Amino acid sequence: MDKFQAMQAFLRVVESGTFVKAAESMQLPKPTVTRLIQSLEEHLSVKLLNRTTRRVSVTSEGAAYYDRASRLLGELDELESSVVASRSAPKGRLKIDMPGALGIGVIVPALGSFRARYPDIDLEIGIGDRPVDLIGDNVDCVVRGGELRDQSLIARRVGDVHMVTCASPGYLQVHGVPSHPKDLEATHTLIRHSVQPTGRLLPFRLAKDHETVDAEGHRIIAVNDTNASVAAAAAGLGIVCAPSILVQAQIGSGALVLVLPEWDAPLIPIHVVYPPNRHLSAKVRVFVDWVVELFSAHDLLQRKSTLPDRPAPVAGLPAVRPRAEAVD
């Protein structure tokens, strides 16, 4: 039995939750992974996993073994990476995933500098707001916005995204301009982000001084993609709270107009996330360092807007007050 391979197979099964996904991530046949786990249990004379036809769970002994094995393999990865890094540049395939707003607005346009610095790293890039299974999909790392829910993964906070509330001039001409978040309840449609796969709606939360309001809106359009949310707002479908990096150009051109500019939406934390047994990979490490460098120098990730503090009013907008009647 290859003790280190068996240990790695055990970690992958625990992290992915199935033998099939573990086998796929290791590029091994499922029976091979099964035999590795069985050999490891026989060698240790302890049951590490409970298996049923539907699920795999970790025993108490398995949980303790996982913690120690994860640290051990991490230290081994660090040792190998430090030796390799001392004599060669990082190389090989790096599979990454990122949300559309950050991918299209920030990371992908800047990848030329990463490629120039690390020409031997081949990038495989996924773009989308749907969560990915890092182990099952064999993804090296993901860039994610919002609070992290999976505490088993390693995460490094790399910055924050500023959010702004806006709508098209045409929408505001029909529905009026709100002067307070509570006005959104009367006549306005809110374009809300829907988290996949649960469909949970993110709060439409605005704060000023010591007052915080969670707006619900008279009507709601739920969208599971940030770029689509902005497109819906530009089409006059409602009011959206979107990353400033996505909407600033449209605000500058007048295609979108700031709504309730004195009210702030919460910052969205941005993390680079990777599996615990890959946290010291040279490829992942240089990519994470590059993302940190990129975000720290990106103007719109350091402040809410680079536009003038008071954008010029758009001709034809009604007074800062919603209409009394509802418009469906």
Protein backbone atom coordinates (compact mmCIF):
# COMPACT_ATOMS: atom_id res chain seq x y z
CA MET A 1 0.00 0.00 0.00
CA ASP A 2 1.19 3.49 -0.89
CA LYS A 3 0.52 5.10 2.47
CA PHE A 4 0.56 8.68 1.19
CA GLN A 5 -1.72 7.87 -1.74
CA ALA A 6 -4.14 6.11 0.61
CA MET A 7 -4.06 9.11 2.92
CA GLN A 8 -4.77 11.44 0.01
CA ALA A 9 -7.64 9.22 -1.15
CA PHE A 10 -9.16 9.36 2.33
CA LEU A 11 -8.94 13.17 2.38
CA ARG A 12 -10.58 13.42 -1.04
CA VAL A 13 -13.45 11.12 -0.02
CA VAL A 14 -14.09 13.16 3.13
CA GLU A 15 -13.94 16.48 1.28
CA SER A 16 -16.05 15.43 -1.72
CA GLY A 17 -18.48 13.20 0.19
CA THR A 18 -18.37 10.35 -2.34
CA PHE A 19 -15.93 7.75 -3.63
CA VAL A 20 -16.90 8.60 -7.21
CA LYS A 21 -15.94 12.28 -6.93
CA ALA A 22 -12.78 11.42 -5.03
CA ALA A 23 -11.77 8.99 -7.78
CA GLU A 24 -12.47 11.57 -10.49
CA SER A 25 -10.43 14.25 -8.72
CA MET A 26 -7.49 11.84 -8.37
CA GLN A 27 -7.97 10.48 -11.90
CA LEU A 28 -8.17 6.95 -10.57
CA PRO A 29 -10.76 4.18 -11.01
CA LYS A 30 -13.32 4.08 -8.20
CA PRO A 31 -12.36 0.48 -7.19
CA THR A 32 -8.76 1.67 -6.71
CA VAL A 33 -9.87 4.39 -4.31
CA THR A 34 -12.07 1.89 -2.47
CA ARG A 35 -9.13 -0.51 -2.07
CA LEU A 36 -6.87 2.28 -0.85
CA ILE A 37 -9.36 3.23 1.89
CA GLN A 38 -9.86 -0.41 2.89
CA SER A 39 -6.10 -0.98 3.06
CA LEU A 40 -5.67 2.16 5.16
CA GLU A 41 -8.37 1.04 7.61
CA GLU A 42 -6.82 -2.42 7.85
CA HIS A 43 -3.38 -0.91 8.41
CA LEU A 44 -4.70 1.34 11.19
CA SER A 45 -7.08 -1.32 12.58
CA VAL A 46 -9.81 1.32 12.80
CA LYS A 47 -12.93 2.23 10.83
CA LEU A 48 -12.51 5.68 9.29
CA LEU A 49 -15.70 5.91 7.23
CA ASN A 50 -19.28 4.75 7.54
CA ARG A 51 -20.61 3.69 4.14
CA THR A 52 -24.21 3.24 3.03
CA THR A 53 -25.73 3.00 -0.43
CA ARG A 54 -26.60 6.70 -0.26
CA ARG A 55 -23.87 8.48 1.65
CA VAL A 56 -20.45 8.38 3.25
CA SER A 57 -19.86 9.80 6.73
CA VAL A 58 -16.76 10.13 8.88
CA THR A 59 -16.38 8.25 12.15
CA SER A 60 -15.00 10.05 15.20
CA GLU A 61 -11.68 8.27 14.66
CA GLY A 62 -11.82 9.25 10.98
CA ALA A 63 -12.39 12.91 11.86
CA ALA A 64 -9.35 12.94 14.14
CA TYR A 65 -7.27 11.18 11.49
CA TYR A 66 -8.46 13.66 8.84
CA ASP A 67 -7.27 16.66 10.87
CA ARG A 68 -3.78 15.23 11.36
CA ALA A 69 -3.48 13.83 7.83
CA SER A 70 -4.58 17.12 6.27
CA ARG A 71 -1.86 19.01 8.16
CA LEU A 72 0.74 16.37 7.33
CA LEU A 73 0.03 16.40 3.60
CA GLY A 74 -0.09 20.19 3.67
CA GLU A 75 3.41 20.28 5.17
CA LEU A 76 4.58 17.77 2.57
CA ASP A 77 3.14 19.96 -0.21
CA GLU A 78 4.92 22.96 1.31
CA LEU A 79 8.22 21.09 1.39
CA GLU A 80 7.90 19.95 -2.22
CA SER A 81 6.72 23.36 -3.42
CA SER A 82 9.58 25.18 -1.72
CA VAL A 83 12.13 22.82 -3.29
CA VAL A 84 10.55 23.10 -6.75
CA ALA A 85 10.13 26.88 -6.47
CA SER A 86 13.79 27.27 -5.59
CA ARG A 87 14.86 25.87 -8.97
CA SER A 88 11.95 26.39 -11.36
CA ALA A 89 8.94 28.59 -12.08
CA PRO A 90 5.40 27.31 -11.38
CA LYS A 91 3.92 25.41 -14.31
CA GLY A 92 1.03 23.17 -15.31
CA ARG A 93 -2.74 23.54 -15.45
CA LEU A 94 -4.46 25.91 -13.02
CA LYS A 95 -8.24 25.51 -12.95
CA ILE A 96 -9.97 28.55 -11.43
CA ASP A 97 -13.55 29.75 -11.12
CA MET A 98 -14.90 33.24 -10.45
CA PRO A 99 -18.16 35.22 -10.49
CA GLY A 100 -19.05 37.12 -13.63
CA ALA A 101 -18.78 40.58 -12.08
CA LEU A 102 -15.21 40.10 -10.86
CA GLY A 103 -14.14 37.90 -13.75
CA ILE A 104 -15.34 40.17 -16.53
CA GLY A 105 -14.87 43.46 -14.69
CA VAL A 106 -11.49 42.94 -13.02
CA ILE A 107 -9.61 39.65 -13.31
CA VAL A 108 -9.83 38.52 -16.95
CA PRO A 109 -8.85 41.93 -18.43
CA ALA A 110 -5.70 41.88 -16.27
CA LEU A 111 -4.64 38.28 -16.92
CA GLY A 112 -2.07 39.39 -19.46
CA SER A 113 0.22 40.45 -16.63
CA PHE A 114 -0.20 37.07 -14.91
CA ARG A 115 0.55 35.20 -18.15
CA ALA A 116 3.62 37.35 -18.76
CA ARG A 117 4.88 36.61 -15.26
CA TYR A 118 4.04 32.87 -15.30
CA PRO A 119 4.01 31.74 -18.96
CA ASP A 120 4.23 28.04 -18.06
CA ILE A 121 0.90 28.04 -16.18
CA ASP A 122 -2.02 26.98 -18.39
CA LEU A 123 -5.26 28.58 -17.24
CA GLU A 124 -8.68 26.95 -17.31
CA ILE A 125 -11.22 29.62 -16.33
CA GLY A 126 -14.83 29.17 -15.28
CA ILE A 127 -17.14 32.20 -15.07
CA GLY A 128 -20.43 32.17 -13.18
CA ASP A 129 -22.22 32.95 -9.93
CA ARG A 130 -23.21 29.33 -9.21
CA PRO A 131 -21.09 27.66 -6.47
CA VAL A 132 -18.72 24.94 -7.67
CA ASP A 133 -17.61 21.75 -5.96
CA LEU A 134 -13.87 22.31 -5.66
CA ILE A 135 -13.08 18.66 -4.95
CA GLY A 136 -15.63 17.02 -7.22
CA ASP A 137 -14.94 19.39 -10.12
CA ASN A 138 -11.18 19.26 -9.48
CA VAL A 139 -10.93 23.06 -9.26
CA ASP A 140 -7.72 24.47 -7.81
CA CYS A 141 -9.21 27.68 -6.42
CA VAL A 142 -12.19 29.99 -6.74
CA VAL A 143 -12.71 33.71 -6.27
CA ARG A 144 -15.95 34.32 -4.38
CA GLY A 145 -17.91 37.27 -3.09
CA GLY A 146 -19.97 37.29 0.10
CA GLU A 147 -19.73 35.42 3.38
CA LEU A 148 -18.18 31.95 3.27
CA ARG A 149 -20.24 28.99 4.45
CA ASP A 150 -17.90 26.01 4.02
CA GLN A 151 -15.46 26.23 6.92
CA SER A 152 -13.51 23.18 5.72
CA LEU A 153 -11.91 25.22 2.93
CA ILE A 154 -8.96 27.58 3.16
CA ALA A 155 -9.79 31.20 2.34
CA ARG A 156 -7.79 34.39 1.98
CA ARG A 157 -9.59 37.71 1.95
CA VAL A 158 -8.30 39.78 -0.95
CA GLY A 159 -10.57 42.83 -0.91
CA ASP A 160 -14.09 44.21 -0.91
CA VAL A 161 -16.57 45.25 -3.58
CA HIS A 162 -18.50 48.50 -3.23
CA MET A 163 -22.19 48.34 -4.12
CA VAL A 164 -24.30 51.16 -5.57
CA THR A 165 -28.04 51.47 -6.14
CA CYS A 166 -29.14 52.59 -9.58
CA ALA A 167 -31.83 52.46 -12.26
CA SER A 168 -32.38 53.68 -15.81
CA PRO A 169 -33.64 57.24 -16.40
CA GLY A 170 -36.65 55.82 -18.22
CA TYR A 171 -37.64 53.68 -15.24
CA LEU A 172 -37.39 56.64 -12.87
CA GLN A 173 -39.43 58.85 -15.20
CA VAL A 174 -42.29 56.35 -14.95
CA HIS A 175 -42.04 55.34 -11.30
CA GLY A 176 -40.49 58.40 -9.64
CA VAL A 177 -37.27 58.88 -7.71
CA PRO A 178 -37.32 57.53 -4.13
CA SER A 179 -36.03 59.80 -1.40
CA HIS A 180 -35.90 57.09 1.30
CA PRO A 181 -35.50 53.27 1.13
CA LYS A 182 -39.01 52.87 2.55
CA ASP A 183 -40.33 54.55 -0.62
CA LEU A 184 -39.29 51.41 -2.48
CA GLU A 185 -42.19 49.54 -0.89
CA ALA A 186 -44.82 51.70 -2.60
CA THR A 187 -44.32 51.60 -6.37
CA HIS A 188 -40.91 50.21 -7.17
CA THR A 189 -39.60 46.94 -8.58
CA LEU A 190 -36.36 45.70 -7.04
CA ILE A 191 -33.99 43.51 -9.02
CA ARG A 192 -32.73 41.06 -6.39
CA HIS A 193 -29.87 38.58 -6.62
CA SER A 194 -30.96 34.96 -6.26
CA VAL A 195 -28.35 32.64 -4.73
CA GLN A 196 -28.06 29.27 -6.43
CA PRO A 197 -28.96 26.49 -5.95
CA THR A 198 -31.29 27.45 -3.07
CA GLY A 199 -32.93 30.48 -4.70
CA ARG A 200 -32.42 32.53 -1.53
CA LEU A 201 -32.69 36.27 -2.18
CA LEU A 202 -29.85 38.43 -0.93
CA PRO A 203 -31.00 41.33 1.27
CA PHE A 204 -31.52 44.72 -0.38
CA ARG A 205 -30.00 46.52 2.60
CA LEU A 206 -29.22 50.24 2.77
CA ALA A 207 -27.81 52.24 5.68
CA LYS A 208 -27.32 55.91 6.52
CA ASP A 209 -25.97 57.27 9.79
CA HIS A 210 -27.55 54.96 12.40
CA GLU A 211 -30.53 53.80 10.31
CA THR A 212 -30.60 50.52 8.37
CA VAL A 213 -33.45 49.46 6.09
CA ASP A 214 -34.02 46.06 4.45
CA ALA A 215 -36.13 47.01 1.43
CA GLU A 216 -38.55 44.49 -0.04
CA GLY A 217 -39.97 46.44 -2.97
CA HIS A 218 -43.49 46.57 -4.37
CA ARG A 219 -42.45 43.99 -6.98
CA ILE A 220 -39.37 41.75 -7.24
CA ILE A 221 -37.43 40.37 -10.19
CA ALA A 222 -35.07 37.61 -9.03
CA VAL A 223 -31.93 37.10 -11.13
CA ASN A 224 -29.14 34.58 -10.48
CA ASP A 225 -26.42 36.42 -12.41
CA THR A 226 -24.99 39.84 -11.53
CA ASN A 227 -24.37 40.90 -15.12
CA ALA A 228 -27.95 39.99 -16.01
CA SER A 229 -29.18 42.06 -13.05
CA VAL A 230 -27.39 45.11 -14.40
CA ALA A 231 -28.75 44.45 -17.88
CA ALA A 232 -32.27 44.25 -16.43
CA ALA A 233 -31.81 47.61 -14.73
CA ALA A 234 -30.45 49.19 -17.91
CA ALA A 235 -33.52 47.86 -19.73
CA GLY A 236 -35.76 49.76 -17.33
CA LEU A 237 -37.08 46.76 -15.40
CA GLY A 238 -36.33 48.05 -11.91
CA ILE A 239 -33.83 49.29 -9.35
CA VAL A 240 -30.69 47.24 -8.74
CA CYS A 241 -27.96 47.24 -6.10
CA ALA A 242 -24.88 46.23 -8.09
CA PRO A 243 -21.07 46.27 -7.86
CA SER A 244 -19.70 49.70 -8.74
CA ILE A 245 -17.14 48.03 -11.01
CA LEU A 246 -19.99 46.86 -13.27
CA VAL A 247 -22.12 49.99 -13.45
CA GLN A 248 -19.77 52.97 -13.23
CA ALA A 249 -19.34 53.29 -17.01
CA GLN A 250 -23.12 53.24 -17.51
CA ILE A 251 -23.60 55.79 -14.73
CA GLY A 252 -20.95 57.97 -16.32
CA SER A 253 -22.69 57.77 -19.71
CA GLY A 254 -26.15 58.40 -18.25
CA ALA A 255 -27.51 54.95 -19.15
CA LEU A 256 -28.00 54.37 -15.41
CA VAL A 257 -28.66 56.89 -12.64
CA LEU A 258 -27.67 56.64 -8.99
CA VAL A 259 -30.62 56.09 -6.66
CA LEU A 260 -30.46 57.04 -2.97
CA PRO A 261 -26.75 57.97 -3.30
CA GLU A 262 -26.56 59.07 0.35
CA TRP A 263 -27.45 55.53 1.47
CA ASP A 264 -24.76 52.84 1.52
CA ALA A 265 -25.09 49.14 0.82
CA PRO A 266 -22.81 46.75 2.76
CA LEU A 267 -19.41 45.99 1.30
CA ILE A 268 -19.12 42.53 -0.26
CA PRO A 269 -16.00 40.69 0.99
CA ILE A 270 -13.96 38.91 -1.67
CA HIS A 271 -11.99 35.73 -0.94
CA VAL A 272 -9.82 33.32 -2.85
CA VAL A 273 -10.82 29.85 -1.67
CA TYR A 274 -9.01 26.53 -2.13
CA PRO A 275 -9.12 23.00 -0.69
CA PRO A 276 -7.03 22.41 2.44
CA ASN A 277 -4.84 19.78 0.83
CA ARG A 278 -3.88 22.17 -2.00
CA HIS A 279 -3.27 25.31 0.01
CA LEU A 280 0.48 25.39 -0.63
CA SER A 281 0.55 24.52 -4.32
CA ALA A 282 3.00 26.83 -6.08
CA LYS A 283 0.48 27.52 -8.86
CA VAL A 284 -2.26 28.45 -6.42
CA ARG A 285 0.09 30.50 -4.25
CA VAL A 286 1.33 32.70 -7.10
CA PHE A 287 -2.21 33.19 -8.41
CA VAL A 288 -3.49 34.22 -4.98
CA ASP A 289 -0.59 36.63 -4.53
CA TRP A 290 -1.28 38.10 -7.97
CA VAL A 291 -5.00 38.58 -7.18
CA VAL A 292 -4.11 40.35 -3.92
CA GLU A 293 -1.74 42.63 -5.83
CA LEU A 294 -4.35 43.27 -8.53
CA PHE A 295 -7.14 44.09 -6.09
CA SER A 296 -4.95 46.36 -3.96
CA ALA A 297 -4.13 48.47 -7.02
CA HIS A 298 -7.62 48.51 -8.58
CA ASP A 299 -9.16 51.93 -8.06
CA LEU A 300 -12.80 50.80 -7.94
CA LEU A 301 -12.06 48.13 -5.35
CA GLN A 302 -10.59 50.77 -3.05
CA ARG A 303 -13.42 53.31 -3.23
CA LYS A 304 -17.06 53.48 -4.19
CA SER A 305 -16.69 55.57 -7.33
CA THR A 306 -14.17 57.46 -9.41
CA LEU A 307 -16.93 59.65 -10.82
CA PRO A 308 -17.61 63.17 -9.49
CA ASP A 309 -19.27 63.11 -6.07
CA ARG A 310 -22.39 64.76 -7.45
CA PRO A 311 -23.23 63.41 -10.92
CA ALA A 312 -25.06 65.82 -13.19
CA PRO A 313 -28.85 65.44 -13.04
CA VAL A 314 -30.51 63.68 -15.95
CA ALA A 315 -32.97 65.85 -17.82
CA GLY A 316 -36.60 64.87 -17.53
CA LEU A 317 -36.46 63.12 -14.16
CA PRO A 318 -39.31 63.93 -11.78
CA ALA A 319 -38.83 65.49 -8.39
CA VAL A 320 -37.24 63.36 -5.68
CA ARG A 321 -40.46 61.77 -4.67
CA PRO A 322 -42.28 58.55 -5.71
CA ARG A 323 -45.62 58.65 -7.45
CA ALA A 324 -48.61 57.92 -5.24
CA GLU A 325 -50.17 55.29 -7.49
CA ALA A 326 -48.65 51.87 -8.07
CA VAL A 327 -47.62 50.92 -11.58
CA ASP A 328 -47.46 47.19 -12.19
